């Protein structure tokens, strides 16, 4: 099994490298193989699958429609096999390993502290945390690159399960010396006079904000967006120093409010409520770990850690 599997993953590694570089010679160079070896691996895969994976395009190659399907599943097969080897090794060492993805908003909330606290309580648990956009995290779960994701919002997918961890709201963060900081609620017309620092378009935060604007016949184009940044700490620093205002999750601002770094205000007529969900593949087997993390989150939230 291990020998055959190793040969399979070798061919899949070749396939994925050719798909990435679009060139047999470059793939051979990066994998430290000969070009005939690369050609042989691709030919063997095409014969096994009875399909053409690549076609020539000038001096390079490109995926056929069937080849794109092969690559999609090759990523999953390669990751599953790597996970198999790691799981067997972990079983012998009595270790549980968990790779968790966080959206930037979730990363900036108490989630990272909850996971660190939980990891400290479990001697045999190793947690790896990565941060990415919600769409990329969903793909990583489906490709078996990560086990679980904590995401703001939800993208429905039949292959995945969800646990609602919490609800949150979006607010406007403004500097202490910004005149808006004296108000509890502002209008959209007042917001149009401000320089906006937003998360990227792919973020759940910006998507929710834009959808709310559309429901009132407004467009983001009617506002002065001066910057788009995915680093929340950087956004907070710019807001604090009054370079602009930003739409942020209230949960990510709580400590800043306590330390009087900046103020938050509501926007008239916009009900920007969102969910914080735990997302995992239906094949995920450690539901007990998720239950314990949920319990710890709820307990910690009550204690306002």
C-alpha atoms as a PDB file:
ATOM      1  CA  UNK A   1       0.000   0.000   0.000  1.00  0.00           C
ATOM      2  CA  UNK A   2       2.703   2.473   0.989  1.00  0.00           C
ATOM      3  CA  UNK A   3       4.871   1.658  -2.047  1.00  0.00           C
ATOM      4  CA  UNK A   4       1.973   1.889  -4.501  1.00  0.00           C
ATOM      5  CA  UNK A   5       0.646   4.988  -2.812  1.00  0.00           C
ATOM      6  CA  UNK A   6       4.071   6.581  -2.986  1.00  0.00           C
ATOM      7  CA  UNK A   7       4.161   5.996  -6.742  1.00  0.00           C
ATOM      8  CA  UNK A   8       0.683   7.473  -7.082  1.00  0.00           C
ATOM      9  CA  UNK A   9       1.611  10.617  -5.162  1.00  0.00           C
ATOM     10  CA  UNK A  10       4.809  10.950  -7.228  1.00  0.00           C
ATOM     11  CA  UNK A  11       2.775  11.005 -10.436  1.00  0.00           C
ATOM     12  CA  UNK A  12       0.243  13.375  -8.932  1.00  0.00           C
ATOM     13  CA  UNK A  13       3.050  15.687  -7.806  1.00  0.00           C
ATOM     14  CA  UNK A  14       4.307  15.714 -11.384  1.00  0.00           C
ATOM     15  CA  UNK A  15       0.814  16.405 -12.694  1.00  0.00           C
ATOM     16  CA  UNK A  16       0.263  19.325 -10.331  1.00  0.00           C
ATOM     17  CA  UNK A  17       3.668  20.836 -11.063  1.00  0.00           C
ATOM     18  CA  UNK A  18       3.077  20.688 -14.835  1.00  0.00           C
ATOM     19  CA  UNK A  19      -0.361  22.256 -14.313  1.00  0.00           C
ATOM     20  CA  UNK A  20       1.289  25.011 -12.263  1.00  0.00           C
ATOM     21  CA  UNK A  21       4.250  25.748 -14.573  1.00  0.00           C
ATOM     22  CA  UNK A  22       2.453  24.896 -17.854  1.00  0.00           C
ATOM     23  CA  UNK A  23       5.784  23.573 -19.085  1.00  0.00           C
ATOM     24  CA  UNK A  24       7.360  20.098 -18.937  1.00  0.00           C
ATOM     25  CA  UNK A  25      10.939  21.431 -18.787  1.00  0.00           C
ATOM     26  CA  UNK A  26      10.191  23.847 -15.925  1.00  0.00           C
ATOM     27  CA  UNK A  27       8.347  21.102 -14.037  1.00  0.00           C
ATOM     28  CA  UNK A  28      11.321  18.756 -14.491  1.00  0.00           C
ATOM     29  CA  UNK A  29      13.724  21.416 -13.234  1.00  0.00           C
ATOM     30  CA  UNK A  30      11.658  22.265 -10.140  1.00  0.00           C
ATOM     31  CA  UNK A  31      11.074  18.589  -9.261  1.00  0.00           C
ATOM     32  CA  UNK A  32      14.705  17.646  -9.981  1.00  0.00           C
ATOM     33  CA  UNK A  33      13.587  15.065 -12.556  1.00  0.00           C
ATOM     34  CA  UNK A  34      14.381  14.542 -16.226  1.00  0.00           C
ATOM     35  CA  UNK A  35      11.915  15.716 -18.848  1.00  0.00           C
ATOM     36  CA  UNK A  36      11.396  12.120 -20.097  1.00  0.00           C
ATOM     37  CA  UNK A  37      10.405  11.149 -16.532  1.00  0.00           C
ATOM     38  CA  UNK A  38       7.857  13.976 -16.466  1.00  0.00           C
ATOM     39  CA  UNK A  39       6.470  12.900 -19.831  1.00  0.00           C
ATOM     40  CA  UNK A  40       6.263   9.274 -18.683  1.00  0.00           C
ATOM     41  CA  UNK A  41       4.315  10.196 -15.510  1.00  0.00           C
ATOM     42  CA  UNK A  42       1.773  12.221 -17.490  1.00  0.00           C
ATOM     43  CA  UNK A  43       1.467   9.518 -20.152  1.00  0.00           C
ATOM     44  CA  UNK A  44       0.867   6.836 -17.482  1.00  0.00           C
ATOM     45  CA  UNK A  45      -1.848   8.949 -15.855  1.00  0.00           C
ATOM     46  CA  UNK A  46      -3.526   9.590 -19.185  1.00  0.00           C
ATOM     47  CA  UNK A  47      -3.488   5.872 -19.990  1.00  0.00           C
ATOM     48  CA  UNK A  48      -4.830   4.920 -16.549  1.00  0.00           C
ATOM     49  CA  UNK A  49      -7.627   7.493 -16.783  1.00  0.00           C
ATOM     50  CA  UNK A  50      -8.187   7.052 -20.514  1.00  0.00           C
ATOM     51  CA  UNK A  51      -8.271  10.802 -21.057  1.00  0.00           C
ATOM     52  CA  UNK A  52      -6.103  13.587 -22.429  1.00  0.00           C
ATOM     53  CA  UNK A  53      -4.907  15.835 -19.583  1.00  0.00           C
ATOM     54  CA  UNK A  54      -2.767  18.410 -21.386  1.00  0.00           C
ATOM     55  CA  UNK A  55      -2.645  19.848 -24.877  1.00  0.00           C
ATOM     56  CA  UNK A  56       0.143  21.833 -26.510  1.00  0.00           C
ATOM     57  CA  UNK A  57      -0.136  25.626 -26.656  1.00  0.00           C
ATOM     58  CA  UNK A  58       2.811  27.346 -28.337  1.00  0.00           C
ATOM     59  CA  UNK A  59       5.870  26.271 -26.311  1.00  0.00           C
ATOM     60  CA  UNK A  60       3.803  25.395 -23.244  1.00  0.00           C
ATOM     61  CA  UNK A  61       0.884  23.158 -22.338  1.00  0.00           C
ATOM     62  CA  UNK A  62      -2.595  23.856 -20.995  1.00  0.00           C
ATOM     63  CA  UNK A  63      -5.194  21.719 -19.263  1.00  0.00           C
ATOM     64  CA  UNK A  64      -7.999  20.175 -21.262  1.00  0.00           C
ATOM     65  CA  UNK A  65     -11.481  20.404 -19.683  1.00  0.00           C
ATOM     66  CA  UNK A  66     -11.010  16.771 -18.565  1.00  0.00           C
ATOM     67  CA  UNK A  67      -7.540  17.672 -17.295  1.00  0.00           C
ATOM     68  CA  UNK A  68      -8.990  20.402 -15.079  1.00  0.00           C
ATOM     69  CA  UNK A  69     -11.215  17.771 -13.444  1.00  0.00           C
ATOM     70  CA  UNK A  70      -8.217  15.467 -12.970  1.00  0.00           C
ATOM     71  CA  UNK A  71      -6.220  18.255 -11.283  1.00  0.00           C
ATOM     72  CA  UNK A  72      -9.143  19.105  -8.996  1.00  0.00           C
ATOM     73  CA  UNK A  73      -9.284  15.562  -7.655  1.00  0.00           C
ATOM     74  CA  UNK A  74      -5.507  15.049  -7.769  1.00  0.00           C
ATOM     75  CA  UNK A  75      -5.113  17.807  -5.174  1.00  0.00           C
ATOM     76  CA  UNK A  76      -7.558  16.009  -2.893  1.00  0.00           C
ATOM     77  CA  UNK A  77      -6.050  12.538  -3.407  1.00  0.00           C
ATOM     78  CA  UNK A  78      -2.532  13.804  -2.708  1.00  0.00           C
ATOM     79  CA  UNK A  79      -3.665  15.592   0.468  1.00  0.00           C
ATOM     80  CA  UNK A  80      -5.693  12.592   1.648  1.00  0.00           C
ATOM     81  CA  UNK A  81      -2.687  10.308   1.212  1.00  0.00           C
ATOM     82  CA  UNK A  82      -0.429  12.730   3.102  1.00  0.00           C
ATOM     83  CA  UNK A  83      -3.058  12.940   5.845  1.00  0.00           C
ATOM     84  CA  UNK A  84      -3.175   9.125   5.964  1.00  0.00           C
ATOM     85  CA  UNK A  85       0.568   8.864   6.560  1.00  0.00           C
ATOM     86  CA  UNK A  86       0.464  11.616   9.185  1.00  0.00           C
ATOM     87  CA  UNK A  87      -2.536  10.043  10.945  1.00  0.00           C
ATOM     88  CA  UNK A  88      -0.829   6.646  11.151  1.00  0.00           C
ATOM     89  CA  UNK A  89       2.262   8.268  12.626  1.00  0.00           C
ATOM     90  CA  UNK A  90       0.167  10.319  15.085  1.00  0.00           C
ATOM     91  CA  UNK A  91      -1.742   7.209  16.169  1.00  0.00           C
ATOM     92  CA  UNK A  92       1.517   5.502  17.112  1.00  0.00           C
ATOM     93  CA  UNK A  93       2.556   8.573  19.125  1.00  0.00           C
ATOM     94  CA  UNK A  94      -0.948   9.062  20.618  1.00  0.00           C
ATOM     95  CA  UNK A  95      -1.222  12.531  19.081  1.00  0.00           C
ATOM     96  CA  UNK A  96      -4.234  14.312  17.609  1.00  0.00           C
ATOM     97  CA  UNK A  97      -3.441  16.912  14.979  1.00  0.00           C
ATOM     98  CA  UNK A  98      -5.808  19.676  13.884  1.00  0.00           C
ATOM     99  CA  UNK A  99      -5.287  22.249  11.136  1.00  0.00           C
ATOM    100  CA  UNK A 100      -7.675  25.159  11.572  1.00  0.00           C
ATOM    101  CA  UNK A 101      -8.379  28.013   9.170  1.00  0.00           C
ATOM    102  CA  UNK A 102      -9.543  31.439  10.314  1.00  0.00           C
ATOM    103  CA  UNK A 103     -10.878  34.345   8.321  1.00  0.00           C
ATOM    104  CA  UNK A 104      -9.075  37.611   9.264  1.00  0.00           C
ATOM    105  CA  UNK A 105     -12.095  38.784  11.284  1.00  0.00           C
ATOM    106  CA  UNK A 106     -12.250  35.519  13.223  1.00  0.00           C
ATOM    107  CA  UNK A 107      -8.487  35.703  13.716  1.00  0.00           C
ATOM    108  CA  UNK A 108      -8.839  39.126  15.328  1.00  0.00           C
ATOM    109  CA  UNK A 109     -11.606  38.011  17.713  1.00  0.00           C
ATOM    110  CA  UNK A 110     -11.224  35.840  20.803  1.00  0.00           C
ATOM    111  CA  UNK A 111     -11.080  32.671  18.666  1.00  0.00           C
ATOM    112  CA  UNK A 112      -7.270  32.521  18.531  1.00  0.00           C
ATOM    113  CA  UNK A 113      -7.061  32.879  22.316  1.00  0.00           C
ATOM    114  CA  UNK A 114      -9.716  30.184  22.781  1.00  0.00           C
ATOM    115  CA  UNK A 115      -7.770  27.789  20.541  1.00  0.00           C
ATOM    116  CA  UNK A 116      -4.518  28.559  22.369  1.00  0.00           C
ATOM    117  CA  UNK A 117      -6.184  27.949  25.739  1.00  0.00           C
ATOM    118  CA  UNK A 118      -7.736  24.693  24.517  1.00  0.00           C
ATOM    119  CA  UNK A 119      -4.406  23.511  23.118  1.00  0.00           C
ATOM    120  CA  UNK A 120      -2.687  24.171  26.460  1.00  0.00           C
ATOM    121  CA  UNK A 121      -5.275  21.990  28.212  1.00  0.00           C
ATOM    122  CA  UNK A 122      -4.667  19.044  25.837  1.00  0.00           C
ATOM    123  CA  UNK A 123      -1.170  17.592  26.022  1.00  0.00           C
ATOM    124  CA  UNK A 124      -1.657  15.287  23.043  1.00  0.00           C
ATOM    125  CA  UNK A 125      -3.240  17.856  20.707  1.00  0.00           C
ATOM    126  CA  UNK A 126      -1.250  19.830  18.125  1.00  0.00           C
ATOM    127  CA  UNK A 127      -3.091  22.754  16.504  1.00  0.00           C
ATOM    128  CA  UNK A 128      -1.919  24.552  13.373  1.00  0.00           C
ATOM    129  CA  UNK A 129      -3.679  27.816  12.478  1.00  0.00           C
ATOM    130  CA  UNK A 130      -3.736  29.510   9.092  1.00  0.00           C
ATOM    131  CA  UNK A 131      -5.526  32.678   7.997  1.00  0.00           C
ATOM    132  CA  UNK A 132      -7.211  33.129   4.622  1.00  0.00           C
ATOM    133  CA  UNK A 133     -10.338  34.416   2.900  1.00  0.00           C
ATOM    134  CA  UNK A 134     -13.596  32.551   3.409  1.00  0.00           C
ATOM    135  CA  UNK A 135     -13.647  31.257  -0.181  1.00  0.00           C
ATOM    136  CA  UNK A 136     -10.084  29.943   0.023  1.00  0.00           C
ATOM    137  CA  UNK A 137     -10.781  28.273   3.378  1.00  0.00           C
ATOM    138  CA  UNK A 138     -13.809  26.495   1.926  1.00  0.00           C
ATOM    139  CA  UNK A 139     -11.651  25.190  -0.918  1.00  0.00           C
ATOM    140  CA  UNK A 140      -8.961  24.073   1.534  1.00  0.00           C
ATOM    141  CA  UNK A 141     -11.535  22.085   3.523  1.00  0.00           C
ATOM    142  CA  UNK A 142     -12.886  20.406   0.376  1.00  0.00           C
ATOM    143  CA  UNK A 143      -9.331  19.653  -0.750  1.00  0.00           C
ATOM    144  CA  UNK A 144      -8.493  18.203   2.706  1.00  0.00           C
ATOM    145  CA  UNK A 145      -5.763  20.806   3.288  1.00  0.00           C
ATOM    146  CA  UNK A 146      -7.359  21.884   6.573  1.00  0.00           C
ATOM    147  CA  UNK A 147      -9.735  20.137   8.972  1.00  0.00           C
ATOM    148  CA  UNK A 148     -11.891  22.978  10.257  1.00  0.00           C
ATOM    149  CA  UNK A 149     -12.507  26.662   9.562  1.00  0.00           C
ATOM    150  CA  UNK A 150     -13.908  29.422  11.732  1.00  0.00           C
ATOM    151  CA  UNK A 151     -15.530  31.844   9.313  1.00  0.00           C
ATOM    152  CA  UNK A 152     -17.618  34.995   9.440  1.00  0.00           C
ATOM    153  CA  UNK A 153     -20.647  34.227   7.334  1.00  0.00           C
ATOM    154  CA  UNK A 154     -21.503  31.069   5.445  1.00  0.00           C
ATOM    155  CA  UNK A 155     -21.245  29.639   1.933  1.00  0.00           C
ATOM    156  CA  UNK A 156     -23.686  26.742   1.646  1.00  0.00           C
ATOM    157  CA  UNK A 157     -22.093  23.535   0.380  1.00  0.00           C
ATOM    158  CA  UNK A 158     -23.530  20.010   0.482  1.00  0.00           C
ATOM    159  CA  UNK A 159     -20.109  18.525   1.281  1.00  0.00           C
ATOM    160  CA  UNK A 160     -19.727  20.513   4.501  1.00  0.00           C
ATOM    161  CA  UNK A 161     -21.280  20.707   7.960  1.00  0.00           C
ATOM    162  CA  UNK A 162     -21.747  23.842  10.052  1.00  0.00           C
ATOM    163  CA  UNK A 163     -21.969  24.764  13.728  1.00  0.00           C
ATOM    164  CA  UNK A 164     -23.262  28.246  14.577  1.00  0.00           C
ATOM    165  CA  UNK A 165     -20.795  29.506  17.169  1.00  0.00           C
ATOM    166  CA  UNK A 166     -21.984  33.071  17.624  1.00  0.00           C
ATOM    167  CA  UNK A 167     -23.597  36.080  15.972  1.00  0.00           C
ATOM    168  CA  UNK A 168     -21.871  39.407  15.523  1.00  0.00           C
ATOM    169  CA  UNK A 169     -22.629  42.800  14.008  1.00  0.00           C
ATOM    170  CA  UNK A 170     -20.689  45.184  11.831  1.00  0.00           C
ATOM    171  CA  UNK A 171     -20.056  48.702  13.099  1.00  0.00           C
ATOM    172  CA  UNK A 172     -18.296  51.846  11.945  1.00  0.00           C
ATOM    173  CA  UNK A 173     -14.927  52.402  13.646  1.00  0.00           C
ATOM    174  CA  UNK A 174     -13.894  56.065  13.930  1.00  0.00           C
ATOM    175  CA  UNK A 175     -10.998  57.897  15.575  1.00  0.00           C
ATOM    176  CA  UNK A 176     -11.564  59.526  18.966  1.00  0.00           C
ATOM    177  CA  UNK A 177     -10.951  62.970  17.445  1.00  0.00           C
ATOM    178  CA  UNK A 178     -13.315  62.374  14.532  1.00  0.00           C
ATOM    179  CA  UNK A 179     -16.544  64.411  15.014  1.00  0.00           C
ATOM    180  CA  UNK A 180     -18.566  61.247  14.305  1.00  0.00           C
ATOM    181  CA  UNK A 181     -17.217  59.733  17.538  1.00  0.00           C
ATOM    182  CA  UNK A 182     -19.602  61.996  19.463  1.00  0.00           C
ATOM    183  CA  UNK A 183     -22.602  60.289  17.851  1.00  0.00           C
ATOM    184  CA  UNK A 184     -24.210  56.895  18.475  1.00  0.00           C
ATOM    185  CA  UNK A 185     -25.825  56.667  15.021  1.00  0.00           C
ATOM    186  CA  UNK A 186     -24.909  58.298  11.714  1.00  0.00           C
ATOM    187  CA  UNK A 187     -26.685  58.452   8.352  1.00  0.00           C
ATOM    188  CA  UNK A 188     -25.456  57.085   5.046  1.00  0.00           C
ATOM    189  CA  UNK A 189     -25.147  60.682   3.795  1.00  0.00           C
ATOM    190  CA  UNK A 190     -22.775  61.444   6.664  1.00  0.00           C
ATOM    191  CA  UNK A 191     -20.775  58.309   5.855  1.00  0.00           C
ATOM    192  CA  UNK A 192     -20.405  59.492   2.255  1.00  0.00           C
ATOM    193  CA  UNK A 193     -18.400  62.456   3.558  1.00  0.00           C
ATOM    194  CA  UNK A 194     -15.803  60.149   5.141  1.00  0.00           C
ATOM    195  CA  UNK A 195     -12.795  58.347   3.689  1.00  0.00           C
ATOM    196  CA  UNK A 196     -13.464  54.619   3.938  1.00  0.00           C
ATOM    197  CA  UNK A 197     -10.825  51.983   4.656  1.00  0.00           C
ATOM    198  CA  UNK A 198     -12.391  48.626   3.796  1.00  0.00           C
ATOM    199  CA  UNK A 199     -11.472  44.979   3.781  1.00  0.00           C
ATOM    200  CA  UNK A 200     -10.996  43.426   0.327  1.00  0.00           C
ATOM    201  CA  UNK A 201     -14.044  42.664  -1.833  1.00  0.00           C
ATOM    202  CA  UNK A 202     -13.644  38.934  -1.126  1.00  0.00           C
ATOM    203  CA  UNK A 203     -14.081  39.391   2.632  1.00  0.00           C
ATOM    204  CA  UNK A 204     -17.386  38.542   4.288  1.00  0.00           C
ATOM    205  CA  UNK A 205     -17.341  41.930   6.047  1.00  0.00           C
ATOM    206  CA  UNK A 206     -17.241  43.996   2.862  1.00  0.00           C
ATOM    207  CA  UNK A 207     -19.673  41.668   1.090  1.00  0.00           C
ATOM    208  CA  UNK A 208     -22.249  42.081   3.881  1.00  0.00           C
ATOM    209  CA  UNK A 209     -21.783  45.860   3.894  1.00  0.00           C
ATOM    210  CA  UNK A 210     -22.234  46.089   0.112  1.00  0.00           C
ATOM    211  CA  UNK A 211     -25.340  43.855   0.204  1.00  0.00           C
ATOM    212  CA  UNK A 212     -26.888  46.092   2.862  1.00  0.00           C
ATOM    213  CA  UNK A 213     -26.182  49.154   0.730  1.00  0.00           C
ATOM    214  CA  UNK A 214     -27.838  47.511  -2.295  1.00  0.00           C
ATOM    215  CA  UNK A 215     -30.972  46.794  -0.253  1.00  0.00           C
ATOM    216  CA  UNK A 216     -31.338  50.582   0.138  1.00  0.00           C
ATOM    217  CA  UNK A 217     -30.627  51.304  -3.513  1.00  0.00           C
ATOM    218  CA  UNK A 218     -27.101  52.458  -2.720  1.00  0.00           C
ATOM    219  CA  UNK A 219     -23.780  51.431  -4.240  1.00  0.00           C
ATOM    220  CA  UNK A 220     -20.281  51.314  -2.801  1.00  0.00           C
ATOM    221  CA  UNK A 221     -19.337  53.502  -5.781  1.00  0.00           C
ATOM    222  CA  UNK A 222     -21.167  56.383  -4.084  1.00  0.00           C
ATOM    223  CA  UNK A 223     -18.705  56.303  -1.176  1.00  0.00           C
ATOM    224  CA  UNK A 224     -15.092  57.447  -1.018  1.00  0.00           C
ATOM    225  CA  UNK A 225     -13.132  54.226  -0.558  1.00  0.00           C
ATOM    226  CA  UNK A 226      -9.524  55.330  -0.096  1.00  0.00           C
ATOM    227  CA  UNK A 227      -7.945  51.934   0.661  1.00  0.00           C
ATOM    228  CA  UNK A 228      -8.666  48.203   0.725  1.00  0.00           C
ATOM    229  CA  UNK A 229      -6.629  46.212   3.249  1.00  0.00           C
ATOM    230  CA  UNK A 230      -6.974  42.651   4.531  1.00  0.00           C
ATOM    231  CA  UNK A 231      -4.819  43.216   7.622  1.00  0.00           C
ATOM    232  CA  UNK A 232      -7.247  44.190  10.391  1.00  0.00           C
ATOM    233  CA  UNK A 233      -4.498  45.370  12.753  1.00  0.00           C
ATOM    234  CA  UNK A 234      -3.339  47.795  10.048  1.00  0.00           C
ATOM    235  CA  UNK A 235      -6.890  49.027   9.483  1.00  0.00           C
ATOM    236  CA  UNK A 236      -7.321  49.660  13.207  1.00  0.00           C
ATOM    237  CA  UNK A 237      -4.063  51.606  13.353  1.00  0.00           C
ATOM    238  CA  UNK A 238      -5.111  53.823  10.441  1.00  0.00           C
ATOM    239  CA  UNK A 239      -8.538  54.438  12.008  1.00  0.00           C
ATOM    240  CA  UNK A 240      -6.972  55.196  15.376  1.00  0.00           C
ATOM    241  CA  UNK A 241      -4.768  57.846  13.745  1.00  0.00           C
ATOM    242  CA  UNK A 242      -7.773  59.287  11.874  1.00  0.00           C
ATOM    243  CA  UNK A 243      -6.675  58.477   8.338  1.00  0.00           C
ATOM    244  CA  UNK A 244     -10.177  57.199   7.663  1.00  0.00           C
ATOM    245  CA  UNK A 245     -13.107  55.196   9.054  1.00  0.00           C
ATOM    246  CA  UNK A 246     -13.788  51.502   8.611  1.00  0.00           C
ATOM    247  CA  UNK A 247     -16.515  48.867   8.702  1.00  0.00           C
ATOM    248  CA  UNK A 248     -15.393  46.176  11.159  1.00  0.00           C
ATOM    249  CA  UNK A 249     -16.888  43.362  13.199  1.00  0.00           C
ATOM    250  CA  UNK A 250     -17.862  44.601  16.637  1.00  0.00           C
ATOM    251  CA  UNK A 251     -16.205  41.582  18.287  1.00  0.00           C
ATOM    252  CA  UNK A 252     -12.823  42.550  16.826  1.00  0.00           C
ATOM    253  CA  UNK A 253     -13.112  46.054  18.298  1.00  0.00           C
ATOM    254  CA  UNK A 254     -14.010  45.262  21.919  1.00  0.00           C
ATOM    255  CA  UNK A 255     -10.475  45.468  23.322  1.00  0.00           C
ATOM    256  CA  UNK A 256      -9.778  48.639  21.364  1.00  0.00           C
ATOM    257  CA  UNK A 257     -12.913  50.216  22.809  1.00  0.00           C
ATOM    258  CA  UNK A 258     -11.890  49.192  26.333  1.00  0.00           C
ATOM    259  CA  UNK A 259      -8.461  50.778  25.811  1.00  0.00           C
ATOM    260  CA  UNK A 260     -10.054  53.870  24.227  1.00  0.00           C
ATOM    261  CA  UNK A 261      -8.144  53.406  20.958  1.00  0.00           C
ATOM    262  CA  UNK A 262     -11.155  54.498  18.936  1.00  0.00           C
ATOM    263  CA  UNK A 263     -14.965  54.627  19.046  1.00  0.00           C
ATOM    264  CA  UNK A 264     -17.659  52.652  17.243  1.00  0.00           C
ATOM    265  CA  UNK A 265     -20.985  53.967  15.961  1.00  0.00           C
ATOM    266  CA  UNK A 266     -23.978  52.424  14.215  1.00  0.00           C
ATOM    267  CA  UNK A 267     -25.137  53.317  10.706  1.00  0.00           C
ATOM    268  CA  UNK A 268     -28.779  54.301  10.316  1.00  0.00           C
ATOM    269  CA  UNK A 269     -31.023  51.659   8.674  1.00  0.00           C
ATOM    270  CA  UNK A 270     -28.202  49.155   8.172  1.00  0.00           C
ATOM    271  CA  UNK A 271     -28.710  45.919  10.115  1.00  0.00           C
ATOM    272  CA  UNK A 272     -25.366  44.256   9.529  1.00  0.00           C
ATOM    273  CA  UNK A 273     -25.751  41.078  11.559  1.00  0.00           C
ATOM    274  CA  UNK A 274     -23.578  38.119  10.605  1.00  0.00           C
ATOM    275  CA  UNK A 275     -22.873  34.615  11.833  1.00  0.00           C
ATOM    276  CA  UNK A 276     -19.638  33.143  13.118  1.00  0.00           C
ATOM    277  CA  UNK A 277     -19.634  29.514  11.996  1.00  0.00           C
ATOM    278  CA  UNK A 278     -17.438  26.473  12.437  1.00  0.00           C
ATOM    279  CA  UNK A 279     -17.211  24.687   9.089  1.00  0.00           C
ATOM    280  CA  UNK A 280     -15.887  21.161   8.593  1.00  0.00           C
ATOM    281  CA  UNK A 281     -15.976  18.342   6.063  1.00  0.00           C
ATOM    282  CA  UNK A 282     -18.612  15.648   6.570  1.00  0.00           C
ATOM    283  CA  UNK A 283     -15.766  13.120   6.890  1.00  0.00           C
ATOM    284  CA  UNK A 284     -14.297  14.968   9.908  1.00  0.00           C
ATOM    285  CA  UNK A 285     -14.188  12.528  12.841  1.00  0.00           C
ATOM    286  CA  UNK A 286     -13.259  14.619  15.904  1.00  0.00           C
ATOM    287  CA  UNK A 287     -16.642  16.197  16.627  1.00  0.00           C
ATOM    288  CA  UNK A 288     -15.876  15.839  20.350  1.00  0.00           C
ATOM    289  CA  UNK A 289     -13.049  18.374  19.974  1.00  0.00           C
ATOM    290  CA  UNK A 290     -15.378  20.867  18.309  1.00  0.00           C
ATOM    291  CA  UNK A 291     -17.945  20.420  21.097  1.00  0.00           C
ATOM    292  CA  UNK A 292     -15.298  21.164  23.720  1.00  0.00           C
ATOM    293  CA  UNK A 293     -14.096  24.245  21.817  1.00  0.00           C
ATOM    294  CA  UNK A 294     -17.680  25.526  21.565  1.00  0.00           C
ATOM    295  CA  UNK A 295     -18.149  25.032  25.332  1.00  0.00           C
ATOM    296  CA  UNK A 296     -14.876  26.842  26.053  1.00  0.00           C
ATOM    297  CA  UNK A 297     -15.861  29.698  23.734  1.00  0.00           C
ATOM    298  CA  UNK A 298     -19.229  30.185  25.435  1.00  0.00           C
ATOM    299  CA  UNK A 299     -17.648  30.014  28.886  1.00  0.00           C
ATOM    300  CA  UNK A 300     -14.894  32.458  27.939  1.00  0.00           C
ATOM    301  CA  UNK A 301     -17.368  34.849  26.356  1.00  0.00           C
ATOM    302  CA  UNK A 302     -19.323  35.023  29.618  1.00  0.00           C
ATOM    303  CA  UNK A 303     -16.124  35.805  31.485  1.00  0.00           C
ATOM    304  CA  UNK A 304     -15.208  38.408  28.828  1.00  0.00           C
ATOM    305  CA  UNK A 305     -11.639  37.181  28.503  1.00  0.00           C
END
